[in-house]
Amino acid sequence: MLPINGQTVRTLFAGLARRTWVVTLATLVTCVVFAASTLGSIIEASYLTPEASAAKLPAPSAPGPREPAKLAAGRPDRPDGRMLVSRNMFCSSCTPAVEVADAATTDTYTPEAILIATSVGEDPRATVRVPATEVQGSYGLGETISGIGKVDRIGWRSIDVIDDHGRRGKLDLLDRLPGGATGAATPVVAAEPDPFEGRVKKIDDHTFEVDRALIKEMVTGAVKPGSMRMLPISDKDGLKGLKLFGVKSTAIASKVGLQNGDMLSAINNNKITGAQSLLDVYTKIDTTNTLELDGTRGDKPLALTLRLK
């Protein structure tokens, strides 16, 4: 081993001074070694010991249902849009309808009244009749129906009323009434009087008793024959007879046994050859007691007897 003297040391430092990168590299390697050693010690002390691992790391748990995220403290709830939906967006002055409590928790009753008609609009009205008092009138919102209650709501086909005890009742246009009628006003069309009532009597399928004056009234037009038409049927030899169309149950032809499609060819054995034949029959009404009608019904002969009284 060479002896180290002052000259040798000076020579070594002189060489290092000329190679500064060697000094820099040695310094950097030394710092990295110390940093790695320090970091390893910290990790070993804090995380890798059994005690530290038990204290630092929570035990795994079985997965469970996800809980909804909670609102942060002070954060307002989501706005309720039901009031906006219930409001009439086409009416600036209208207010949303007040919700009615559930029917299971609200006292109800059946009003003894009949809803006849409703009218909705700026001034909704309801026409109501009370059978017990025979009172009928038109009522608006907030008005009181005597013996029934105050009108609380008016709709297209029903209304709500509240009585003196706070109970809520409903009247509907389609409520059934005694006898099967409904609350809606249904006009009853009176049946037209039968002009032949008591003036024609059926004896059998081919014989009828007829008021003599009825024949005269029909000829003069005082009494209409009813719903029927008579059309003349002709061939090359002339008029064959009169064919009946549109005969209904209210026509005189039906009352004396004639049907739609029947054709009359003779009266009292006198063939119908024109209007004069019918006038001849009329002139003999006062002197004859029987009119014999002959004709055809389809392909079969037809014979009817009218006894004049």
Protein backbone atom coordinates (compact mmCIF):
# COMPACT_ATOMS: atom_id res chain seq x y z
CA MET A 1 0.00 0.00 0.00
CA LEU A 2 1.36 3.35 -1.03
CA PRO A 3 2.01 5.81 1.73
CA ILE A 4 -0.34 8.78 1.75
CA ASN A 5 1.51 12.02 2.16
CA GLY A 6 0.72 15.60 1.54
CA GLN A 7 1.84 15.47 -2.04
CA THR A 8 -0.47 12.55 -2.79
CA VAL A 9 -3.48 14.27 -1.24
CA ARG A 10 -2.89 17.40 -3.20
CA THR A 11 -2.56 15.41 -6.41
CA LEU A 12 -5.91 13.60 -5.66
CA PHE A 13 -7.87 16.78 -5.00
CA ALA A 14 -6.35 18.41 -8.04
CA GLY A 15 -7.60 15.50 -10.18
CA LEU A 16 -11.12 15.69 -8.67
CA ALA A 17 -11.22 19.41 -9.23
CA ARG A 18 -10.61 18.80 -12.90
CA ARG A 19 -13.48 16.19 -12.95
CA THR A 20 -16.41 17.97 -11.24
CA TRP A 21 -19.06 15.59 -12.68
CA VAL A 22 -17.61 12.78 -10.61
CA VAL A 23 -18.18 14.79 -7.43
CA THR A 24 -21.71 15.67 -8.47
CA LEU A 25 -22.56 12.05 -9.26
CA ALA A 26 -21.18 10.81 -5.95
CA THR A 27 -23.17 13.42 -4.03
CA LEU A 28 -26.40 12.53 -5.86
CA VAL A 29 -25.97 8.79 -5.24
CA THR A 30 -25.36 9.42 -1.54
CA CYS A 31 -28.54 11.52 -1.22
CA VAL A 32 -30.66 8.90 -3.01
CA VAL A 33 -29.37 6.16 -0.71
CA PHE A 34 -30.18 8.15 2.42
CA ALA A 35 -33.69 9.09 1.09
CA ALA A 36 -34.56 5.48 0.21
CA SER A 37 -33.40 4.27 3.61
CA THR A 38 -35.51 6.88 5.39
CA LEU A 39 -38.65 6.13 3.34
CA GLY A 40 -38.31 2.40 3.96
CA SER A 41 -38.09 2.94 7.69
CA ILE A 42 -41.25 5.09 7.71
CA ILE A 43 -43.26 2.51 5.71
CA GLU A 44 -42.11 -0.36 7.89
CA ALA A 45 -42.98 1.50 11.09
CA SER A 46 -46.42 2.80 10.03
CA TYR A 47 -48.00 0.20 7.77
CA LEU A 48 -46.24 -3.11 7.73
CA THR A 49 -46.38 -4.04 11.42
CA PRO A 50 -49.35 -6.27 12.47
CA GLU A 51 -50.52 -3.79 15.10
CA ALA A 52 -50.49 -0.88 12.69
CA SER A 53 -52.29 -2.91 10.00
CA ALA A 54 -55.06 -3.88 12.41
CA ALA A 55 -55.47 -0.28 13.55
CA LYS A 56 -55.26 1.35 10.13
CA LEU A 57 -57.23 -1.01 7.83
CA PRO A 58 -60.98 -1.70 8.57
CA ALA A 59 -62.19 -5.31 8.23
CA PRO A 60 -64.03 -6.01 4.97
CA SER A 61 -67.81 -6.25 5.29
CA ALA A 62 -70.42 -8.04 3.18
CA PRO A 63 -71.98 -5.86 0.47
CA GLY A 64 -75.44 -4.54 1.40
CA PRO A 65 -78.15 -2.45 -0.21
CA ARG A 66 -77.07 0.96 -1.28
CA GLU A 67 -78.51 3.74 0.82
CA PRO A 68 -79.79 6.83 -0.94
CA ALA A 69 -77.46 9.74 -0.79
CA LYS A 70 -78.37 12.16 1.96
CA LEU A 71 -78.84 15.82 1.22
CA ALA A 72 -76.13 18.03 2.48
CA ALA A 73 -76.97 19.97 5.59
CA GLY A 74 -78.83 23.15 4.76
CA ARG A 75 -79.67 22.10 1.21
CA PRO A 76 -83.38 22.81 0.36
CA ASP A 77 -85.67 19.92 -0.66
CA ARG A 78 -86.74 19.51 -4.29
CA PRO A 79 -89.68 21.84 -5.13
CA ASP A 80 -93.16 20.24 -5.28
CA GLY A 81 -94.60 20.72 -8.80
CA ARG A 82 -98.11 19.37 -8.10
CA MET A 83 -99.56 22.84 -7.57
CA LEU A 84 -98.18 23.97 -10.95
CA VAL A 85 -99.68 20.93 -12.70
CA SER A 86 -103.11 21.40 -11.10
CA ARG A 87 -103.33 25.06 -12.08
CA ASN A 88 -105.18 26.05 -15.26
CA MET A 89 -102.37 27.46 -17.40
CA PHE A 90 -104.87 29.16 -19.70
CA CYS A 91 -106.47 31.21 -16.91
CA SER A 92 -104.32 33.86 -15.22
CA SER A 93 -106.83 34.55 -12.45
CA CYS A 94 -107.69 30.93 -11.63
CA THR A 95 -106.24 29.27 -8.54
CA PRO A 96 -105.36 25.59 -8.29
CA ALA A 97 -108.17 23.37 -7.06
CA VAL A 98 -107.97 22.42 -3.40
CA GLU A 99 -107.37 18.72 -3.00
CA VAL A 100 -110.18 16.84 -1.30
CA ALA A 101 -109.25 14.49 1.49
CA ASP A 102 -109.24 10.78 0.78
CA ALA A 103 -112.73 9.31 0.62
CA ALA A 104 -111.86 6.77 3.31
CA THR A 105 -111.25 9.57 5.81
CA THR A 106 -114.02 11.94 4.70
CA ASP A 107 -117.64 11.75 5.85
CA THR A 108 -119.92 11.40 2.84
CA TYR A 109 -123.65 11.22 2.29
CA THR A 110 -126.12 10.77 -0.54
CA PRO A 111 -128.07 13.96 -1.29
CA GLU A 112 -131.78 13.42 -1.86
CA ALA A 113 -131.87 15.56 -4.99
CA ILE A 114 -131.77 15.27 -8.77
CA LEU A 115 -129.14 16.97 -10.94
CA ILE A 116 -130.91 18.06 -14.13
CA ALA A 117 -128.22 20.03 -15.97
CA THR A 118 -124.85 21.74 -15.51
CA SER A 119 -123.21 24.73 -17.16
CA VAL A 120 -119.47 25.40 -16.76
CA GLY A 121 -117.63 28.59 -17.62
CA GLU A 122 -116.95 31.92 -15.95
CA ASP A 123 -120.18 31.56 -13.95
CA PRO A 124 -120.79 27.80 -13.53
CA ARG A 125 -124.37 26.86 -12.68
CA ALA A 126 -126.24 23.67 -11.81
CA THR A 127 -129.97 23.01 -12.13
CA VAL A 128 -131.16 20.84 -9.25
CA ARG A 129 -134.57 19.54 -8.18
CA VAL A 130 -135.39 18.40 -4.64
CA PRO A 131 -138.20 15.79 -4.86
CA ALA A 132 -139.12 16.10 -1.17
CA THR A 133 -140.13 19.75 -1.56
CA GLU A 134 -140.55 19.88 -5.35
CA VAL A 135 -138.16 22.86 -5.36
CA GLN A 136 -136.15 23.32 -8.53
CA GLY A 137 -133.66 26.05 -9.35
CA SER A 138 -130.30 27.09 -10.73
CA TYR A 139 -127.44 27.33 -8.23
CA GLY A 140 -123.88 28.67 -8.44
CA LEU A 141 -120.75 27.95 -6.42
CA GLY A 142 -121.21 28.75 -2.74
CA GLU A 143 -125.00 28.93 -2.99
CA THR A 144 -127.12 26.75 -0.71
CA ILE A 145 -129.69 24.24 -1.96
CA SER A 146 -132.40 24.16 0.67
CA GLY A 147 -132.35 20.89 2.58
CA ILE A 148 -129.32 19.59 0.66
CA GLY A 149 -126.24 21.73 1.29
CA LYS A 150 -123.89 24.29 -0.21
CA VAL A 151 -122.59 23.83 -3.77
CA ASP A 152 -118.82 23.26 -3.56
CA ARG A 153 -117.96 22.11 -7.08
CA ILE A 154 -119.64 22.13 -10.51
CA GLY A 155 -118.33 19.84 -13.25
CA TRP A 156 -119.44 18.76 -16.68
CA ARG A 157 -121.63 15.90 -15.44
CA SER A 158 -121.64 16.10 -11.64
CA ILE A 159 -121.52 18.50 -8.69
CA ASP A 160 -120.35 18.28 -5.06
CA VAL A 161 -122.34 19.69 -2.13
CA ILE A 162 -121.45 20.03 1.56
CA ASP A 163 -124.19 19.81 4.17
CA ASP A 164 -124.43 21.55 7.55
CA HIS A 165 -122.41 18.76 9.21
CA GLY A 166 -119.47 19.12 6.83
CA ARG A 167 -120.25 15.94 4.94
CA ARG A 168 -119.57 15.85 1.21
CA GLY A 169 -122.16 14.55 -1.25
CA LYS A 170 -122.19 14.13 -5.01
CA LEU A 171 -124.95 14.50 -7.59
CA ASP A 172 -124.44 12.97 -11.03
CA LEU A 173 -126.42 13.47 -14.22
CA LEU A 174 -126.46 9.71 -14.75
CA ASP A 175 -127.66 8.76 -11.27
CA ARG A 176 -130.50 6.27 -11.47
CA LEU A 177 -133.86 7.44 -10.15
CA PRO A 178 -136.90 5.47 -9.07
CA GLY A 179 -138.54 3.98 -12.14
CA GLY A 180 -135.24 3.76 -14.07
CA ALA A 181 -135.08 7.42 -15.14
CA THR A 182 -131.88 9.47 -14.91
CA GLY A 183 -131.18 12.89 -13.52
CA ALA A 184 -130.70 14.41 -16.95
CA ALA A 185 -133.79 16.16 -18.24
CA THR A 186 -135.25 14.00 -21.01
CA PRO A 187 -138.18 15.53 -22.81
CA VAL A 188 -141.06 13.12 -23.21
CA VAL A 189 -142.65 13.31 -26.63
CA ALA A 190 -146.39 12.89 -26.33
CA ALA A 191 -147.79 10.24 -28.61
CA GLU A 192 -150.01 11.57 -31.36
CA PRO A 193 -153.65 10.57 -30.98
CA ASP A 194 -154.74 7.70 -33.18
CA PRO A 195 -157.39 9.10 -35.60
CA PHE A 196 -158.73 5.59 -36.13
CA GLU A 197 -159.07 4.69 -32.44
CA GLY A 198 -162.50 3.12 -31.87
CA ARG A 199 -163.49 3.56 -35.51
CA VAL A 200 -162.07 0.32 -36.86
CA LYS A 201 -162.68 -3.06 -35.25
CA LYS A 202 -161.18 -6.36 -36.34
CA ILE A 203 -163.63 -9.27 -36.54
CA ASP A 204 -161.21 -11.82 -38.04
CA ASP A 205 -158.24 -11.78 -40.42
CA HIS A 206 -160.48 -11.01 -43.40
CA THR A 207 -163.40 -9.09 -41.87
CA PHE A 208 -163.37 -5.63 -40.27
CA GLU A 209 -166.01 -3.27 -38.94
CA VAL A 210 -165.44 0.35 -40.08
CA ASP A 211 -167.16 3.62 -39.21
CA ARG A 212 -169.03 4.78 -42.32
CA ALA A 213 -168.14 8.43 -41.65
CA LEU A 214 -164.44 7.52 -41.61
CA ILE A 215 -164.56 6.56 -45.29
CA LYS A 216 -166.12 9.93 -46.16
CA GLU A 217 -163.56 11.85 -44.12
CA MET A 218 -160.70 10.08 -45.85
CA VAL A 219 -162.12 10.87 -49.32
CA THR A 220 -162.61 14.55 -48.45
CA GLY A 221 -159.20 14.79 -46.77
CA ALA A 222 -160.52 15.53 -43.27
CA VAL A 223 -158.57 12.48 -42.03
CA LYS A 224 -155.30 11.39 -43.58
CA PRO A 225 -154.91 7.71 -44.42
CA GLY A 226 -151.59 7.62 -42.57
CA SER A 227 -148.17 6.55 -43.80
CA MET A 228 -148.88 4.80 -47.09
CA ARG A 229 -148.81 5.33 -50.86
CA MET A 230 -151.00 3.92 -53.62
CA LEU A 231 -149.49 3.70 -57.09
CA PRO A 232 -151.47 2.77 -60.21
CA ILE A 233 -150.22 -0.38 -61.96
CA SER A 234 -150.94 -0.60 -65.71
CA ASP A 235 -150.28 -2.94 -68.58
CA LYS A 236 -151.13 -2.89 -72.31
CA ASP A 237 -154.80 -3.39 -71.51
CA GLY A 238 -154.95 -0.44 -69.12
CA LEU A 239 -155.05 0.01 -65.35
CA LYS A 240 -154.73 -3.25 -63.41
CA GLY A 241 -155.15 -1.79 -59.94
CA LEU A 242 -153.55 0.15 -57.09
CA LYS A 243 -150.43 -1.15 -55.33
CA LEU A 244 -149.70 -0.15 -51.74
CA PHE A 245 -146.24 0.98 -50.59
CA GLY A 246 -144.89 2.20 -47.24
CA VAL A 247 -147.78 0.82 -45.22
CA LYS A 248 -147.08 1.29 -41.49
CA SER A 249 -149.04 0.12 -38.46
CA THR A 250 -150.56 3.62 -38.04
CA ALA A 251 -152.07 3.71 -41.55
CA ILE A 252 -155.75 2.96 -42.19
CA ALA A 253 -154.70 0.29 -44.71
CA SER A 254 -152.97 -1.65 -41.91
CA LYS A 255 -156.01 -1.24 -39.64
CA VAL A 256 -158.23 -3.05 -42.21
CA GLY A 257 -155.80 -5.91 -42.92
CA LEU A 258 -153.81 -4.58 -45.89
CA GLN A 259 -150.03 -4.93 -46.04
CA ASN A 260 -147.11 -3.34 -47.85
CA GLY A 261 -147.02 -4.66 -51.44
CA ASP A 262 -150.70 -5.64 -51.66
CA MET A 263 -152.53 -4.68 -54.86
CA LEU A 264 -156.23 -3.80 -54.98
CA SER A 265 -157.92 -4.60 -58.29
CA ALA A 266 -161.69 -4.36 -57.52
CA ILE A 267 -164.20 -2.93 -55.01
CA ASN A 268 -167.59 -4.63 -54.74
CA ASN A 269 -166.71 -6.63 -57.86
CA ASN A 270 -166.16 -3.40 -59.83
CA LYS A 271 -162.68 -3.26 -61.31
CA ILE A 272 -160.60 -0.20 -60.52
CA THR A 273 -160.01 1.38 -63.90
CA GLY A 274 -159.35 4.94 -62.78
CA ALA A 275 -160.33 7.74 -60.43
CA GLN A 276 -163.96 7.50 -61.53
CA SER A 277 -164.16 4.00 -60.07
CA LEU A 278 -163.25 5.37 -56.63
CA LEU A 279 -165.75 8.24 -56.95
CA ASP A 280 -168.51 5.76 -57.72
CA VAL A 281 -167.73 3.93 -54.50
CA TYR A 282 -167.89 7.19 -52.55
CA THR A 283 -171.32 8.07 -53.90
CA LYS A 284 -172.69 4.72 -52.70
CA ILE A 285 -171.30 4.91 -49.15
CA ASP A 286 -174.65 5.97 -47.67
CA THR A 287 -176.59 3.18 -49.40
CA THR A 288 -174.29 0.22 -48.93
CA ASN A 289 -173.37 -1.70 -45.78
CA THR A 290 -170.40 -3.68 -47.09
CA LEU A 291 -167.28 -3.03 -49.14
CA GLU A 292 -165.66 -6.06 -50.71
CA LEU A 293 -161.97 -5.50 -51.52
CA ASP A 294 -160.36 -7.87 -54.02
CA GLY A 295 -156.73 -8.02 -55.08
CA THR A 296 -153.52 -10.00 -54.77
CA ARG A 297 -150.85 -10.48 -52.11
CA GLY A 298 -147.81 -11.74 -53.88
CA ASP A 299 -149.01 -14.57 -56.11
CA LYS A 300 -152.10 -15.33 -54.01
CA PRO A 301 -155.57 -13.80 -54.23
CA LEU A 302 -156.64 -11.38 -51.49
CA ALA A 303 -160.21 -10.75 -50.29
CA LEU A 304 -161.25 -8.44 -47.42
CA THR A 305 -164.69 -7.43 -46.19
CA LEU A 306 -165.37 -4.04 -44.61
CA ARG A 307 -168.69 -3.80 -42.74
CA LEU A 308 -169.84 -0.20 -42.58
CA LYS A 309 -171.71 0.85 -39.45
